[in-house]
Protein backbone atom coordinates (compact mmCIF):
# COMPACT_ATOMS: atom_id res chain seq x y z
CA MET A 1 50.55 46.29 30.05
CA MET A 2 49.35 43.32 29.22
CA ARG A 3 45.50 42.90 28.65
CA ARG A 4 43.46 40.03 29.71
CA ALA A 5 41.93 37.39 27.49
CA GLU A 6 38.35 37.54 27.58
CA PRO A 7 37.05 33.87 27.52
CA LEU A 8 35.48 32.62 24.54
CA PRO A 9 31.33 31.94 25.16
CA ALA A 10 30.82 27.96 25.47
CA CYS A 11 28.93 26.08 22.95
CA SER A 12 28.53 22.16 22.62
CA ALA A 13 27.86 19.92 19.62
CA ALA A 14 26.52 16.44 19.79
CA ALA A 15 26.33 13.93 16.99
CA GLU A 16 24.79 10.39 16.18
CA THR A 17 25.56 7.61 14.22
CA ALA A 18 23.19 4.72 12.74
CA MET A 19 23.02 1.91 10.26
CA ARG A 20 20.59 -0.79 9.38
CA GLY A 21 20.79 -3.15 7.06
CA ALA A 22 19.59 -6.71 5.67
CA MET A 23 21.01 -9.17 3.95
CA VAL A 24 19.20 -11.87 1.83
CA GLU A 25 20.91 -14.87 -0.05
CA LEU A 26 19.17 -17.03 -2.99
CA GLY A 27 21.17 -20.39 -4.31
CA GLY A 28 21.76 -24.02 -4.59
CA GLY A 29 24.35 -26.40 -4.65
CA PHE A 30 25.37 -29.62 -5.58
CA THR A 31 27.51 -32.40 -3.92
CA VAL A 32 30.47 -33.18 -5.80
CA LEU A 33 31.90 -36.11 -2.74
CA ARG A 34 29.85 -38.08 -0.73
CA ARG A 35 31.70 -40.48 1.43
CA PRO A 36 30.79 -42.46 4.80
CA ARG A 37 32.89 -39.37 6.75
CA ALA A 38 32.65 -36.45 4.42
CA ILE A 39 30.30 -34.55 2.59
CA VAL A 40 31.12 -31.62 0.01
CA ASP A 41 28.73 -29.20 -2.12
CA VAL A 42 30.11 -26.56 -4.22
CA THR A 43 27.61 -23.55 -4.24
CA GLY A 44 26.56 -20.54 -6.49
CA SER A 45 24.10 -17.51 -5.22
CA LEU A 46 23.23 -14.10 -5.23
CA ARG A 47 23.72 -11.85 -1.92
CA TYR A 48 21.79 -9.18 -1.39
CA LEU A 49 22.96 -6.67 1.23
CA GLY A 50 20.56 -3.16 1.87
CA ALA A 51 21.63 -0.89 4.27
CA GLN A 52 20.80 2.48 5.25
CA GLY A 53 23.03 4.65 7.51
CA THR A 54 22.29 8.45 9.16
CA LEU A 55 24.13 11.31 10.69
CA ASP A 56 22.16 13.56 13.08
CA ALA A 57 24.27 16.55 13.97
CA SER A 58 23.37 19.62 16.31
CA VAL A 59 25.57 22.58 18.14
CA GLU A 60 24.32 24.62 21.03
CA LEU A 61 25.86 28.31 19.87
CA PRO A 62 26.15 30.82 22.63
CA GLY A 63 22.80 32.76 23.10
CA GLY A 64 20.95 29.37 23.29
CA ASP A 65 20.59 29.24 19.22
CA THR A 66 20.52 25.64 17.78
CA ARG A 67 21.68 24.64 14.63
CA GLY A 68 21.34 21.16 13.58
CA ALA A 69 22.06 18.89 10.41
CA HIS A 70 20.26 15.37 8.95
CA SER A 71 21.82 13.12 6.55
CA ALA A 72 20.74 10.22 5.28
CA SER A 73 22.22 7.65 2.53
CA ARG A 74 20.74 3.95 1.35
CA ALA A 75 22.74 1.08 -0.52
CA ASP A 76 21.81 -1.70 -2.30
CA ILE A 77 24.14 -4.14 -3.02
CA VAL A 78 23.85 -7.71 -5.07
CA ASN A 79 27.03 -9.64 -6.07
CA GLY A 80 27.23 -13.29 -6.99
CA LEU A 81 29.06 -15.66 -5.23
CA ALA A 82 30.87 -19.23 -5.22
CA GLY A 83 31.88 -21.30 -2.66
CA VAL A 84 31.97 -24.88 -1.20
CA ARG A 85 30.33 -26.43 2.01
CA GLY A 86 30.01 -29.68 3.78
CA ARG A 87 30.81 -31.68 6.83
CA ILE A 88 33.33 -33.69 7.93
CA ALA A 89 32.58 -36.50 10.68
CA MET A 90 34.40 -36.70 13.80
CA THR A 91 32.71 -40.47 15.19
CA HIS A 92 32.98 -43.44 13.68
CA ASP A 93 29.05 -43.47 13.81
CA GLY A 94 29.16 -40.20 12.03
CA ARG A 95 26.88 -38.69 14.94
CA TRP A 96 29.21 -35.54 15.72
CA TYR A 97 30.64 -33.74 13.08
CA VAL A 98 32.06 -30.27 11.76
CA PRO A 99 30.49 -28.83 9.38
CA PHE A 100 32.08 -25.96 7.63
CA TYR A 101 31.14 -23.41 4.90
CA LEU A 102 33.62 -20.67 2.59
CA ASP A 103 32.16 -18.26 -0.30
CA ALA A 104 33.73 -15.42 -1.81
CA SER A 105 31.79 -12.76 -3.99
CA THR A 106 31.87 -10.00 -6.31
CA GLY A 107 29.78 -7.36 -8.07
CA SER A 108 28.25 -4.25 -6.88
CA SER A 109 31.24 -4.29 -4.33
CA LYS A 110 34.69 -5.18 -4.47
CA VAL A 111 34.47 -8.35 -2.46
CA THR A 112 32.96 -10.00 0.31
CA TRP A 113 33.94 -13.49 1.63
CA GLN A 114 32.62 -15.14 4.71
CA ALA A 115 33.54 -18.43 6.59
CA VAL A 116 31.58 -20.80 9.05
CA THR A 117 32.70 -23.88 11.21
CA GLY A 118 31.72 -25.40 14.23
CA VAL A 119 30.45 -28.60 15.57
CA GLY A 120 27.28 -30.38 15.16
CA TYR A 121 25.30 -33.44 16.57
CA VAL A 122 23.16 -35.98 14.21
CA MET A 123 19.68 -37.10 16.36
CA LYS A 124 16.49 -38.37 14.70
CA GLY A 125 14.79 -36.62 12.42
CA ALA A 126 17.49 -33.37 12.87
CA ASP A 127 20.90 -32.06 13.24
CA VAL A 128 22.08 -29.48 15.84
CA SER A 129 24.91 -27.47 15.40
CA LEU A 130 26.97 -24.47 17.01
CA SER A 131 28.69 -22.71 14.67
CA TYR A 132 30.80 -19.13 14.48
CA ARG A 133 30.42 -17.09 11.39
CA TYR A 134 32.63 -14.40 10.17
CA LEU A 135 31.40 -12.00 7.25
CA ALA A 136 33.69 -9.82 5.80
CA PHE A 137 32.51 -6.65 2.87
CA HIS A 138 35.10 -4.49 1.11
CA GLY A 139 33.39 -1.89 -0.52
CA SER A 140 34.62 0.83 -3.06
CA ASN A 141 35.67 4.18 -1.87
CA ASP A 142 32.13 5.89 -2.90
CA GLN A 143 30.00 3.25 -1.62
CA LEU A 144 28.03 4.31 1.96
CA MET A 145 29.84 0.32 3.13
CA GLN A 146 33.09 0.73 2.76
CA THR A 147 34.62 -2.02 4.95
CA VAL A 148 32.01 -4.18 7.41
CA ARG A 149 32.96 -7.07 9.73
CA MET A 150 30.49 -9.26 11.23
CA SER A 151 31.15 -12.10 13.41
CA GLY A 152 29.76 -14.22 16.01
CA PRO A 153 28.07 -17.70 16.95
CA SER A 154 25.39 -19.25 15.38
CA LEU A 155 23.03 -21.91 17.00
CA GLY A 156 21.22 -24.02 14.20
CA THR A 157 19.14 -26.78 13.39
CA THR A 158 18.42 -29.13 10.00
CA VAL A 159 15.16 -30.94 10.48
CA ARG A 160 14.55 -33.59 7.95
CA PHE A 161 11.31 -35.30 6.97
């Protein structure tokens, strides 16, 4: 005679993660090429990336007993970087142009890099540009952030006075 297995009591689990951060870059550049249709600068900067990650988890056990856990971790990452930036005119009058920026860095992380390009227009007293940016961050295995990629469009303006 076979015995029927009793069903296991039901339990439920839930988990929520969150990541918050801020990035600040401070540096300067030097023009190495200035032509009527192109400008190229070399740049040097420090990039700071501060991030905090949290994990909240809970399990509801049979009988209504609930157990929970919370964990938080913070990372402060500082990298030195080098790069190039500039613009290339698309029209003879230079009103329409292609802006570009490329950098690579290392320091508290293994390597980070970013690339930006798009299209810009020169107006009297200001430039307007629509660009696409890609930033990749590669940390070490013991860091809170091991691999982060951010990308998306950017609308910018430069005011001259």
